[in-house]
């Protein structure tokens, strides 16, 4: 992973962005020697957000099964009836 200080980002933003788009490698931005932010390509960020939403949905489903908050097929069909027409 590439690491840049915030001053370099300020001075060379166009070049850093061009490199980012070409390599698709995230850039860690540091301030005063400490990690401050990640700079990532838009497509990669959106992909990660979509993947996170799917994983969160799976986690909610697993939790519902563990807590026995499930429906039979008939119950689910009745509850979803207004959307399934």
Foldseek 3Di string as FASTA:
>chain_A
DAEEEVVCCVVPVVVVVVVCVVVQDWYFYDYPPHTDDIDGDPVVVVVVVVVVVVVVVVVVVVVCVVVVVDDDPVVVCVVCVVVVD
